[in-house]
Amino acid sequence: MDSSAWGPEIAEVYDKTYAATFEPSVVGPIVELLAELARGGPALEFAVGTGRVALPLSARGVAVHGIELSPHMAGQLLAKPGADAVPVTIGDMTTTRVPGTFEARVPVV
C-alpha cells in the first residue's frame, strides 16, 4: 500500500481540517467505550494517524500502540504532548505486526 496519499502536505493540515472530529463531544464517547473494552489491558489502534483517539485513550491510562502507514501522520502524532507513551509502528495495518497481545484492537474510527 502506498503512503503517498498521506504525505506531509496532508499531515500538516489534518488536525485543523478535521477539527470537528477532535471535539471532546465526538472523541469522548469513543474513548470511554474503548477504555471499557480494553478492561485495563493494552490497546492496538490501526491507522493511528495524528493521535485523535490514541492520545486521549492513553491519557485515560490505557497503554496504546499504534500502526500507521504514513510516517508524516505519525510524525504529527509524535510531536504532541503525551506521544512518548504511544509507540507507533510504521506499516500497512493489514500486514504489519507488533509484539504483544492486546485487549482491544481499535479500528479506524
PDB file of N, CA and C in Angstrom:
ATOM      1  N   MET A   1       0.835  -1.173   0.000  1.00  0.00           N
ATOM      2  CA  MET A   1       0.000   0.000   0.000  1.00  0.00           C
ATOM      3  C   MET A   1       0.883   1.241   0.000  1.00  0.00           C
ATOM      4  N   ASP A   2       0.472   2.268  -0.692  1.00  0.00           N
ATOM      5  CA  ASP A   2       1.252   3.481  -0.879  1.00  0.00           C
ATOM      6  C   ASP A   2       0.857   4.543   0.151  1.00  0.00           C
ATOM      7  N   SER A   3       1.855   5.061   0.866  1.00  0.00           N
ATOM      8  CA  SER A   3       1.579   6.082   1.876  1.00  0.00           C
ATOM      9  C   SER A   3       1.588   7.488   1.299  1.00  0.00           C
ATOM     10  N   SER A   4       1.817   7.633  -0.015  1.00  0.00           N
ATOM     11  CA  SER A   4       1.920   8.977  -0.589  1.00  0.00           C
ATOM     12  C   SER A   4       0.616   9.764  -0.497  1.00  0.00           C
ATOM     13  N   ALA A   5      -0.511   9.075  -0.358  1.00  0.00           N
ATOM     14  CA  ALA A   5      -1.789   9.771  -0.212  1.00  0.00           C
ATOM     15  C   ALA A   5      -1.850  10.552   1.103  1.00  0.00           C
ATOM     16  N   TRP A   6      -1.004  10.181   2.049  1.00  0.00           N
ATOM     17  CA  TRP A   6      -0.972  10.840   3.349  1.00  0.00           C
ATOM     18  C   TRP A   6       0.398  11.471   3.553  1.00  0.00           C
ATOM     19  N   GLY A   7       0.815  12.282   2.591  1.00  0.00           N
ATOM     20  CA  GLY A   7       2.121  12.925   2.640  1.00  0.00           C
ATOM     21  C   GLY A   7       2.143  14.117   3.572  1.00  0.00           C
ATOM     22  N   PRO A   8       3.253  14.835   3.574  1.00  0.00           N
ATOM     23  CA  PRO A   8       3.417  15.951   4.516  1.00  0.00           C
ATOM     24  C   PRO A   8       2.383  17.057   4.327  1.00  0.00           C
ATOM     25  N   GLU A   9       1.977  17.318   3.085  1.00  0.00           N
ATOM     26  CA  GLU A   9       1.017  18.408   2.857  1.00  0.00           C
ATOM     27  C   GLU A   9      -0.341  18.113   3.499  1.00  0.00           C
ATOM     28  N   ILE A  10      -0.717  16.867   3.578  1.00  0.00           N
ATOM     29  CA  ILE A  10      -1.977  16.499   4.245  1.00  0.00           C
ATOM     30  C   ILE A  10      -1.764  16.385   5.748  1.00  0.00           C
ATOM     31  N   ALA A  11      -0.690  15.733   6.152  1.00  0.00           N
ATOM     32  CA  ALA A  11      -0.418  15.531   7.580  1.00  0.00           C
ATOM     33  C   ALA A  11      -0.344  16.857   8.333  1.00  0.00           C
ATOM     34  N   GLU A  12       0.235  17.865   7.703  1.00  0.00           N
ATOM     35  CA  GLU A  12       0.406  19.159   8.366  1.00  0.00           C
ATOM     36  C   GLU A  12      -0.908  19.895   8.618  1.00  0.00           C
ATOM     37  N   VAL A  13      -1.932  19.608   7.838  1.00  0.00           N
ATOM     38  CA  VAL A  13      -3.214  20.314   7.998  1.00  0.00           C
ATOM     39  C   VAL A  13      -4.348  19.398   8.467  1.00  0.00           C
ATOM     40  N   TYR A  14      -4.045  18.143   8.694  1.00  0.00           N
ATOM     41  CA  TYR A  14      -5.076  17.152   9.012  1.00  0.00           C
ATOM     42  C   TYR A  14      -5.903  17.541  10.242  1.00  0.00           C
ATOM     43  N   ASP A  15      -5.240  17.841  11.332  1.00  0.00           N
ATOM     44  CA  ASP A  15      -5.963  18.162  12.572  1.00  0.00           C
ATOM     45  C   ASP A  15      -6.864  19.382  12.404  1.00  0.00           C
ATOM     46  N   LYS A  16      -6.364  20.387  11.720  1.00  0.00           N
ATOM     47  CA  LYS A  16      -7.152  21.601  11.522  1.00  0.00           C
ATOM     48  C   LYS A  16      -8.316  21.340  10.567  1.00  0.00           C
ATOM     49  N   THR A  17      -8.058  20.590   9.504  1.00  0.00           N
ATOM     50  CA  THR A  17      -9.097  20.289   8.513  1.00  0.00           C
ATOM     51  C   THR A  17     -10.242  19.488   9.136  1.00  0.00           C
ATOM     52  N   TYR A  18      -9.904  18.571  10.002  1.00  0.00           N
ATOM     53  CA  TYR A  18     -10.905  17.705  10.628  1.00  0.00           C
ATOM     54  C   TYR A  18     -11.111  18.045  12.099  1.00  0.00           C
ATOM     55  N   ALA A  19     -10.968  19.310  12.438  1.00  0.00           N
ATOM     56  CA  ALA A  19     -11.055  19.755  13.836  1.00  0.00           C
ATOM     57  C   ALA A  19     -12.331  19.302  14.526  1.00  0.00           C
ATOM     58  N   ALA A  20     -13.441  19.259  13.814  1.00  0.00           N
ATOM     59  CA  ALA A  20     -14.709  18.849  14.433  1.00  0.00           C
ATOM     60  C   ALA A  20     -14.635  17.429  14.975  1.00  0.00           C
ATOM     61  N   THR A  21     -13.836  16.573  14.354  1.00  0.00           N
ATOM     62  CA  THR A  21     -13.743  15.181  14.817  1.00  0.00           C
ATOM     63  C   THR A  21     -12.873  15.048  16.055  1.00  0.00           C
ATOM     64  N   PHE A  22     -12.155  16.113  16.411  1.00  0.00           N
ATOM     65  CA  PHE A  22     -11.308  16.118  17.602  1.00  0.00           C
ATOM     66  C   PHE A  22     -12.047  16.693  18.815  1.00  0.00           C
ATOM     67  N   GLU A  23     -13.243  17.194  18.615  1.00  0.00           N
ATOM     68  CA  GLU A  23     -14.011  17.797  19.707  1.00  0.00           C
ATOM     69  C   GLU A  23     -14.286  16.755  20.798  1.00  0.00           C
ATOM     70  N   PRO A  24     -14.211  17.167  22.064  1.00  0.00           N
ATOM     71  CA  PRO A  24     -14.487  16.241  23.159  1.00  0.00           C
ATOM     72  C   PRO A  24     -15.842  15.534  23.032  1.00  0.00           C
ATOM     73  N   SER A  25     -16.835  16.212  22.487  1.00  0.00           N
ATOM     74  CA  SER A  25     -18.156  15.581  22.340  1.00  0.00           C
ATOM     75  C   SER A  25     -18.136  14.432  21.334  1.00  0.00           C
ATOM     76  N   VAL A  26     -17.160  14.438  20.446  1.00  0.00           N
ATOM     77  CA  VAL A  26     -17.012  13.354  19.462  1.00  0.00           C
ATOM     78  C   VAL A  26     -16.068  12.282  19.988  1.00  0.00           C
ATOM     79  N   VAL A  27     -14.900  12.701  20.447  1.00  0.00           N
ATOM     80  CA  VAL A  27     -13.870  11.759  20.878  1.00  0.00           C
ATOM     81  C   VAL A  27     -14.195  11.131  22.234  1.00  0.00           C
ATOM     82  N   GLY A  28     -14.797  11.896  23.121  1.00  0.00           N
ATOM     83  CA  GLY A  28     -15.080  11.411  24.475  1.00  0.00           C
ATOM     84  C   GLY A  28     -15.822  10.087  24.528  1.00  0.00           C
ATOM     85  N   PRO A  29     -16.959   9.952  23.848  1.00  0.00           N
ATOM     86  CA  PRO A  29     -17.674   8.676  23.888  1.00  0.00           C
ATOM     87  C   PRO A  29     -16.880   7.519  23.287  1.00  0.00           C
ATOM     88  N   ILE A  30     -16.084   7.801  22.269  1.00  0.00           N
ATOM     89  CA  ILE A  30     -15.246   6.756  21.658  1.00  0.00           C
ATOM     90  C   ILE A  30     -14.215   6.273  22.667  1.00  0.00           C
ATOM     91  N   VAL A  31     -13.559   7.204  23.324  1.00  0.00           N
ATOM     92  CA  VAL A  31     -12.529   6.871  24.301  1.00  0.00           C
ATOM     93  C   VAL A  31     -13.139   6.126  25.486  1.00  0.00           C
ATOM     94  N   GLU A  32     -14.296   6.563  25.945  1.00  0.00           N
ATOM     95  CA  GLU A  32     -14.976   5.874  27.051  1.00  0.00           C
ATOM     96  C   GLU A  32     -15.238   4.407  26.707  1.00  0.00           C
ATOM     97  N   LEU A  33     -15.794   4.180  25.530  1.00  0.00           N
ATOM     98  CA  LEU A  33     -16.107   2.810  25.097  1.00  0.00           C
ATOM     99  C   LEU A  33     -14.842   1.975  24.966  1.00  0.00           C
ATOM    100  N   LEU A  34     -13.824   2.521  24.336  1.00  0.00           N
ATOM    101  CA  LEU A  34     -12.588   1.768  24.138  1.00  0.00           C
ATOM    102  C   LEU A  34     -11.882   1.472  25.456  1.00  0.00           C
ATOM    103  N   ALA A  35     -11.894   2.411  26.386  1.00  0.00           N
ATOM    104  CA  ALA A  35     -11.299   2.170  27.697  1.00  0.00           C
ATOM    105  C   ALA A  35     -12.026   1.022  28.395  1.00  0.00           C
ATOM    106  N   GLU A  36     -13.333   0.998  28.259  1.00  0.00           N
ATOM    107  CA  GLU A  36     -14.120  -0.094  28.843  1.00  0.00           C
ATOM    108  C   GLU A  36     -13.783  -1.425  28.171  1.00  0.00           C
ATOM    109  N   LEU A  37     -13.690  -1.434  26.853  1.00  0.00           N
ATOM    110  CA  LEU A  37     -13.377  -2.661  26.120  1.00  0.00           C
ATOM    111  C   LEU A  37     -11.974  -3.170  26.411  1.00  0.00           C
ATOM    112  N   ALA A  38     -11.045  -2.264  26.683  1.00  0.00           N
ATOM    113  CA  ALA A  38      -9.664  -2.664  26.981  1.00  0.00           C
ATOM    114  C   ALA A  38      -9.552  -3.353  28.335  1.00  0.00           C
ATOM    115  N   ARG A  39     -10.510  -3.114  29.221  1.00  0.00           N
ATOM    116  CA  ARG A  39     -10.550  -3.762  30.547  1.00  0.00           C
ATOM    117  C   ARG A  39      -9.216  -3.691  31.277  1.00  0.00           C
ATOM    118  N   GLY A  40      -8.559  -2.536  31.181  1.00  0.00           N
ATOM    119  CA  GLY A  40      -7.289  -2.355  31.876  1.00  0.00           C
ATOM    120  C   GLY A  40      -6.078  -2.868  31.123  1.00  0.00           C
ATOM    121  N   GLY A  41      -6.306  -3.543  30.002  1.00  0.00           N
ATOM    122  CA  GLY A  41      -5.203  -4.075  29.208  1.00  0.00           C
ATOM    123  C   GLY A  41      -4.813  -3.123  28.094  1.00  0.00           C
ATOM    124  N   PRO A  42      -3.806  -3.485  27.337  1.00  0.00           N
ATOM    125  CA  PRO A  42      -3.337  -2.624  26.258  1.00  0.00           C
ATOM    126  C   PRO A  42      -4.256  -2.655  25.035  1.00  0.00           C
ATOM    127  N   ALA A  43      -4.159  -1.599  24.239  1.00  0.00           N
ATOM    128  CA  ALA A  43      -4.956  -1.480  23.014  1.00  0.00           C
ATOM    129  C   ALA A  43      -4.034  -1.234  21.829  1.00  0.00           C
ATOM    130  N   LEU A  44      -4.450  -1.731  20.682  1.00  0.00           N
ATOM    131  CA  LEU A  44      -3.732  -1.508  19.430  1.00  0.00           C
ATOM    132  C   LEU A  44      -4.652  -0.730  18.502  1.00  0.00           C
ATOM    133  N   GLU A  45      -4.204   0.464  18.081  1.00  0.00           N
ATOM    134  CA  GLU A  45      -5.022   1.256  17.173  1.00  0.00           C
ATOM    135  C   GLU A  45      -4.467   1.172  15.762  1.00  0.00           C
ATOM    136  N   PHE A  46      -5.321   0.748  14.845  1.00  0.00           N
ATOM    137  CA  PHE A  46      -4.977   0.692  13.428  1.00  0.00           C
ATOM    138  C   PHE A  46      -5.180   2.079  12.826  1.00  0.00           C
ATOM    139  N   ALA A  47      -4.267   2.500  11.937  1.00  0.00           N
ATOM    140  CA  ALA A  47      -4.332   3.833  11.308  1.00  0.00           C
ATOM    141  C   ALA A  47      -4.418   4.909  12.389  1.00  0.00           C
ATOM    142  N   VAL A  48      -3.455   4.908  13.267  1.00  0.00           N
ATOM    143  CA  VAL A  48      -3.445   5.804  14.427  1.00  0.00           C
ATOM    144  C   VAL A  48      -3.387   7.274  14.034  1.00  0.00           C
ATOM    145  N   GLY A  49      -2.902   7.566  12.842  1.00  0.00           N
ATOM    146  CA  GLY A  49      -2.900   8.937  12.338  1.00  0.00           C
ATOM    147  C   GLY A  49      -2.175   9.901  13.238  1.00  0.00           C
ATOM    148  N   THR A  50      -2.822  11.007  13.534  1.00  0.00           N
ATOM    149  CA  THR A  50      -2.213  12.056  14.360  1.00  0.00           C
ATOM    150  C   THR A  50      -2.564  11.912  15.840  1.00  0.00           C
ATOM    151  N   GLY A  51      -3.203  10.805  16.188  1.00  0.00           N
ATOM    152  CA  GLY A  51      -3.456  10.516  17.596  1.00  0.00           C
ATOM    153  C   GLY A  51      -4.788  10.964  18.148  1.00  0.00           C
ATOM    154  N   ARG A  52      -5.755  11.234  17.284  1.00  0.00           N
ATOM    155  CA  ARG A  52      -7.061  11.734  17.722  1.00  0.00           C
ATOM    156  C   ARG A  52      -7.675  10.863  18.805  1.00  0.00           C
ATOM    157  N   VAL A  53      -7.561   9.546  18.680  1.00  0.00           N
ATOM    158  CA  VAL A  53      -8.118   8.627  19.673  1.00  0.00           C
ATOM    159  C   VAL A  53      -7.022   8.109  20.602  1.00  0.00           C
ATOM    160  N   ALA A  54      -5.861   7.806  20.058  1.00  0.00           N
ATOM    161  CA  ALA A  54      -4.791   7.193  20.849  1.00  0.00           C
ATOM    162  C   ALA A  54      -4.337   8.059  22.019  1.00  0.00           C
ATOM    163  N   LEU A  55      -4.167   9.349  21.796  1.00  0.00           N
ATOM    164  CA  LEU A  55      -3.661  10.206  22.876  1.00  0.00           C
ATOM    165  C   LEU A  55      -4.643  10.335  24.039  1.00  0.00           C
ATOM    166  N   PRO A  56      -5.932  10.615  23.788  1.00  0.00           N
ATOM    167  CA  PRO A  56      -6.834  10.672  24.937  1.00  0.00           C
ATOM    168  C   PRO A  56      -7.055   9.304  25.592  1.00  0.00           C
ATOM    169  N   LEU A  57      -6.973   8.245  24.810  1.00  0.00           N
ATOM    170  CA  LEU A  57      -7.110   6.909  25.391  1.00  0.00           C
ATOM    171  C   LEU A  57      -5.916   6.604  26.284  1.00  0.00           C
ATOM    172  N   SER A  58      -4.732   6.976  25.833  1.00  0.00           N
ATOM    173  CA  SER A  58      -3.533   6.810  26.647  1.00  0.00           C
ATOM    174  C   SER A  58      -3.617   7.660  27.918  1.00  0.00           C
ATOM    175  N   ALA A  59      -4.129   8.874  27.782  1.00  0.00           N
ATOM    176  CA  ALA A  59      -4.285   9.754  28.950  1.00  0.00           C
ATOM    177  C   ALA A  59      -5.250   9.164  29.976  1.00  0.00           C
ATOM    178  N   ARG A  60      -6.150   8.285  29.521  1.00  0.00           N
ATOM    179  CA  ARG A  60      -7.082   7.596  30.430  1.00  0.00           C
ATOM    180  C   ARG A  60      -6.420   6.429  31.143  1.00  0.00           C
ATOM    181  N   GLY A  61      -5.146   6.165  30.822  1.00  0.00           N
ATOM    182  CA  GLY A  61      -4.425   5.094  31.491  1.00  0.00           C
ATOM    183  C   GLY A  61      -4.351   3.801  30.706  1.00  0.00           C
ATOM    184  N   VAL A  62      -4.850   3.800  29.479  1.00  0.00           N
ATOM    185  CA  VAL A  62      -4.776   2.606  28.637  1.00  0.00           C
ATOM    186  C   VAL A  62      -3.460   2.656  27.867  1.00  0.00           C
ATOM    187  N   ALA A  63      -2.683   1.592  27.929  1.00  0.00           N
ATOM    188  CA  ALA A  63      -1.462   1.506  27.121  1.00  0.00           C
ATOM    189  C   ALA A  63      -1.880   1.308  25.670  1.00  0.00           C
ATOM    190  N   VAL A  64      -1.467   2.228  24.814  1.00  0.00           N
ATOM    191  CA  VAL A  64      -1.874   2.196  23.403  1.00  0.00           C
ATOM    192  C   VAL A  64      -0.638   2.083  22.523  1.00  0.00           C
ATOM    193  N   HIS A  65      -0.706   1.184  21.548  1.00  0.00           N
ATOM    194  CA  HIS A  65       0.310   1.085  20.499  1.00  0.00           C
ATOM    195  C   HIS A  65      -0.412   1.352  19.194  1.00  0.00           C
ATOM    196  N   GLY A  66       0.212   2.096  18.292  1.00  0.00           N
ATOM    197  CA  GLY A  66      -0.423   2.427  17.026  1.00  0.00           C
ATOM    198  C   GLY A  66       0.304   1.848  15.836  1.00  0.00           C
ATOM    199  N   ILE A  67      -0.458   1.561  14.793  1.00  0.00           N
ATOM    200  CA  ILE A  67       0.094   1.224  13.483  1.00  0.00           C
ATOM    201  C   ILE A  67      -0.359   2.322  12.538  1.00  0.00           C
ATOM    202  N   GLU A  68       0.574   2.865  11.772  1.00  0.00           N
ATOM    203  CA  GLU A  68       0.263   3.953  10.845  1.00  0.00           C
ATOM    204  C   GLU A  68       1.051   3.769   9.559  1.00  0.00           C
ATOM    205  N   LEU A  69       0.372   3.882   8.443  1.00  0.00           N
ATOM    206  CA  LEU A  69       1.009   3.755   7.139  1.00  0.00           C
ATOM    207  C   LEU A  69       1.896   4.953   6.818  1.00  0.00           C
ATOM    208  N   SER A  70       1.461   6.136   7.184  1.00  0.00           N
ATOM    209  CA  SER A  70       2.166   7.359   6.806  1.00  0.00           C
ATOM    210  C   SER A  70       3.133   7.831   7.889  1.00  0.00           C
ATOM    211  N   PRO A  71       4.413   7.874   7.576  1.00  0.00           N
ATOM    212  CA  PRO A  71       5.351   8.417   8.562  1.00  0.00           C
ATOM    213  C   PRO A  71       5.088   9.897   8.845  1.00  0.00           C
ATOM    214  N   HIS A  72       4.474  10.594   7.897  1.00  0.00           N
ATOM    215  CA  HIS A  72       4.163  12.010   8.096  1.00  0.00           C
ATOM    216  C   HIS A  72       3.035  12.189   9.110  1.00  0.00           C
ATOM    217  N   MET A  73       2.016  11.364   9.025  1.00  0.00           N
ATOM    218  CA  MET A  73       0.933  11.418  10.014  1.00  0.00           C
ATOM    219  C   MET A  73       1.482  11.039  11.388  1.00  0.00           C
ATOM    220  N   ALA A  74       2.289   9.979  11.440  1.00  0.00           N
ATOM    221  CA  ALA A  74       2.888   9.551  12.712  1.00  0.00           C
ATOM    222  C   ALA A  74       3.772  10.662  13.284  1.00  0.00           C
ATOM    223  N   GLY A  75       4.464  11.379  12.426  1.00  0.00           N
ATOM    224  CA  GLY A  75       5.301  12.484  12.881  1.00  0.00           C
ATOM    225  C   GLY A  75       4.495  13.572  13.575  1.00  0.00           C
ATOM    226  N   GLN A  76       3.299  13.837  13.049  1.00  0.00           N
ATOM    227  CA  GLN A  76       2.416  14.818  13.686  1.00  0.00           C
ATOM    228  C   GLN A  76       1.999  14.336  15.074  1.00  0.00           C
ATOM    229  N   LEU A  77       1.658  13.067  15.188  1.00  0.00           N
ATOM    230  CA  LEU A  77       1.291  12.488  16.489  1.00  0.00           C
ATOM    231  C   LEU A  77       2.468  12.602  17.452  1.00  0.00           C
ATOM    232  N   LEU A  78       3.643  12.178  17.010  1.00  0.00           N
ATOM    233  CA  LEU A  78       4.802  12.112  17.897  1.00  0.00           C
ATOM    234  C   LEU A  78       5.297  13.474  18.358  1.00  0.00           C
ATOM    235  N   ALA A  79       4.835  14.536  17.716  1.00  0.00           N
ATOM    236  CA  ALA A  79       5.208  15.897  18.125  1.00  0.00           C
ATOM    237  C   ALA A  79       4.293  16.444  19.220  1.00  0.00           C
ATOM    238  N   LYS A  80       3.246  15.697  19.570  1.00  0.00           N
ATOM    239  CA  LYS A  80       2.260  16.180  20.544  1.00  0.00           C
ATOM    240  C   LYS A  80       2.599  15.741  21.964  1.00  0.00           C
ATOM    241  N   PRO A  81       2.141  16.519  22.949  1.00  0.00           N
ATOM    242  CA  PRO A  81       2.328  16.115  24.346  1.00  0.00           C
ATOM    243  C   PRO A  81       1.666  14.764  24.607  1.00  0.00           C
ATOM    244  N   GLY A  82       2.358  13.925  25.343  1.00  0.00           N
ATOM    245  CA  GLY A  82       1.833  12.603  25.687  1.00  0.00           C
ATOM    246  C   GLY A  82       2.172  11.528  24.676  1.00  0.00           C
ATOM    247  N   ALA A  83       2.732  11.919  23.535  1.00  0.00           N
ATOM    248  CA  ALA A  83       3.024  10.950  22.477  1.00  0.00           C
ATOM    249  C   ALA A  83       4.121   9.964  22.863  1.00  0.00           C
ATOM    250  N   ASP A  84       4.953  10.330  23.818  1.00  0.00           N
ATOM    251  CA  ASP A  84       6.014   9.419  24.235  1.00  0.00           C
ATOM    252  C   ASP A  84       5.447   8.136  24.842  1.00  0.00           C
ATOM    253  N   ALA A  85       4.185   8.154  25.234  1.00  0.00           N
ATOM    254  CA  ALA A  85       3.538   6.975  25.813  1.00  0.00           C
ATOM    255  C   ALA A  85       2.829   6.120  24.756  1.00  0.00           C
ATOM    256  N   VAL A  86       2.856   6.562  23.499  1.00  0.00           N
ATOM    257  CA  VAL A  86       2.149   5.852  22.427  1.00  0.00           C
ATOM    258  C   VAL A  86       3.155   5.444  21.349  1.00  0.00           C
ATOM    259  N   PRO A  87       3.731   4.249  21.458  1.00  0.00           N
ATOM    260  CA  PRO A  87       4.645   3.819  20.407  1.00  0.00           C
ATOM    261  C   PRO A  87       3.882   3.604  19.099  1.00  0.00           C
ATOM    262  N   VAL A  88       4.517   3.957  17.994  1.00  0.00           N
ATOM    263  CA  VAL A  88       3.897   3.818  16.676  1.00  0.00           C
ATOM    264  C   VAL A  88       4.809   2.982  15.788  1.00  0.00           C
ATOM    265  N   THR A  89       4.216   2.001  15.137  1.00  0.00           N
ATOM    266  CA  THR A  89       4.915   1.191  14.148  1.00  0.00           C
ATOM    267  C   THR A  89       4.441   1.630  12.771  1.00  0.00           C
ATOM    268  N   ILE A  90       5.386   1.959  11.898  1.00  0.00           N
ATOM    269  CA  ILE A  90       5.045   2.375  10.544  1.00  0.00           C
ATOM    270  C   ILE A  90       4.859   1.126   9.691  1.00  0.00           C
ATOM    271  N   GLY A  91       3.707   1.061   9.032  1.00  0.00           N
ATOM    272  CA  GLY A  91       3.447  -0.058   8.139  1.00  0.00           C
ATOM    273  C   GLY A  91       1.975  -0.154   7.788  1.00  0.00           C
ATOM    274  N   ASP A  92       1.680  -1.047   6.898  1.00  0.00           N
ATOM    275  CA  ASP A  92       0.316  -1.318   6.441  1.00  0.00           C
ATOM    276  C   ASP A  92      -0.409  -2.121   7.520  1.00  0.00           C
ATOM    277  N   MET A  93      -1.552  -1.637   7.949  1.00  0.00           N
ATOM    278  CA  MET A  93      -2.257  -2.300   9.060  1.00  0.00           C
ATOM    279  C   MET A  93      -2.731  -3.708   8.704  1.00  0.00           C
ATOM    280  N   THR A  94      -2.760  -4.051   7.422  1.00  0.00           N
ATOM    281  CA  THR A  94      -3.208  -5.396   7.045  1.00  0.00           C
ATOM    282  C   THR A  94      -2.102  -6.433   7.166  1.00  0.00           C
ATOM    283  N   THR A  95      -0.849  -5.994   7.205  1.00  0.00           N
ATOM    284  CA  THR A  95       0.255  -6.956   7.254  1.00  0.00           C
ATOM    285  C   THR A  95       1.248  -6.699   8.382  1.00  0.00           C
ATOM    286  N   THR A  96       1.265  -5.503   8.940  1.00  0.00           N
ATOM    287  CA  THR A  96       2.235  -5.151   9.978  1.00  0.00           C
ATOM    288  C   THR A  96       1.879  -5.843  11.286  1.00  0.00           C
ATOM    289  N   ARG A  97       2.883  -6.344  11.940  1.00  0.00           N
ATOM    290  CA  ARG A  97       2.697  -6.997  13.237  1.00  0.00           C
ATOM    291  C   ARG A  97       3.495  -6.244  14.286  1.00  0.00           C
ATOM    292  N   VAL A  98       2.952  -6.185  15.489  1.00  0.00           N
ATOM    293  CA  VAL A  98       3.663  -5.589  16.614  1.00  0.00           C
ATOM    294  C   VAL A  98       3.703  -6.630  17.723  1.00  0.00           C
ATOM    295  N   PRO A  99       4.749  -6.591  18.534  1.00  0.00           N
ATOM    296  CA  PRO A  99       4.839  -7.577  19.611  1.00  0.00           C
ATOM    297  C   PRO A  99       3.790  -7.336  20.693  1.00  0.00           C
ATOM    298  N   GLY A 100       3.388  -8.388  21.335  1.00  0.00           N
ATOM    299  CA  GLY A 100       2.467  -8.283  22.453  1.00  0.00           C
ATOM    300  C   GLY A 100       1.073  -8.771  22.108  1.00  0.00           C
ATOM    301  N   THR A 101       0.235  -8.749  23.124  1.00  0.00           N
ATOM    302  CA  THR A 101      -1.176  -9.081  22.957  1.00  0.00           C
ATOM    303  C   THR A 101      -1.980  -7.886  23.434  1.00  0.00           C
ATOM    304  N   PHE A 102      -3.167  -7.748  22.892  1.00  0.00           N
ATOM    305  CA  PHE A 102      -3.959  -6.555  23.154  1.00  0.00           C
ATOM    306  C   PHE A 102      -5.382  -6.932  23.522  1.00  0.00           C
ATOM    307  N   GLU A 103      -5.915  -6.255  24.521  1.00  0.00           N
ATOM    308  CA  GLU A 103      -7.303  -6.458  24.924  1.00  0.00           C
ATOM    309  C   GLU A 103      -8.250  -5.860  23.902  1.00  0.00           C
ATOM    310  N   ALA A 104      -7.871  -4.707  23.365  1.00  0.00           N
ATOM    311  CA  ALA A 104      -8.723  -4.018  22.406  1.00  0.00           C
ATOM    312  C   ALA A 104      -7.913  -3.728  21.149  1.00  0.00           C
ATOM    313  N   ARG A 105      -8.549  -4.005  20.023  1.00  0.00           N
ATOM    314  CA  ARG A 105      -7.967  -3.659  18.736  1.00  0.00           C
ATOM    315  C   ARG A 105      -8.875  -2.592  18.146  1.00  0.00           C
ATOM    316  N   VAL A 106      -8.353  -1.404  17.991  1.00  0.00           N
ATOM    317  CA  VAL A 106      -9.148  -0.251  17.635  1.00  0.00           C
ATOM    318  C   VAL A 106      -9.125  -0.048  16.122  1.00  0.00           C
ATOM    319  N   PRO A 107     -10.275  -0.204  15.475  1.00  0.00           N
ATOM    320  CA  PRO A 107     -10.316   0.031  14.025  1.00  0.00           C
ATOM    321  C   PRO A 107     -10.286   1.523  13.726  1.00  0.00           C
ATOM    322  N   VAL A 108     -10.202   1.839  12.487  1.00  0.00           N
ATOM    323  CA  VAL A 108     -10.238   3.233  12.065  1.00  0.00           C
ATOM    324  C   VAL A 108     -11.613   3.788  12.408  1.00  0.00           C
ATOM    325  N   VAL A 109     -11.653   4.834  13.245  1.00  0.00           N
ATOM    326  CA  VAL A 109     -12.938   5.444  13.636  1.00  0.00           C
ATOM    327  C   VAL A 109     -12.929   6.926  13.359  1.00  0.00           C
TER     328      VAL A 109
END
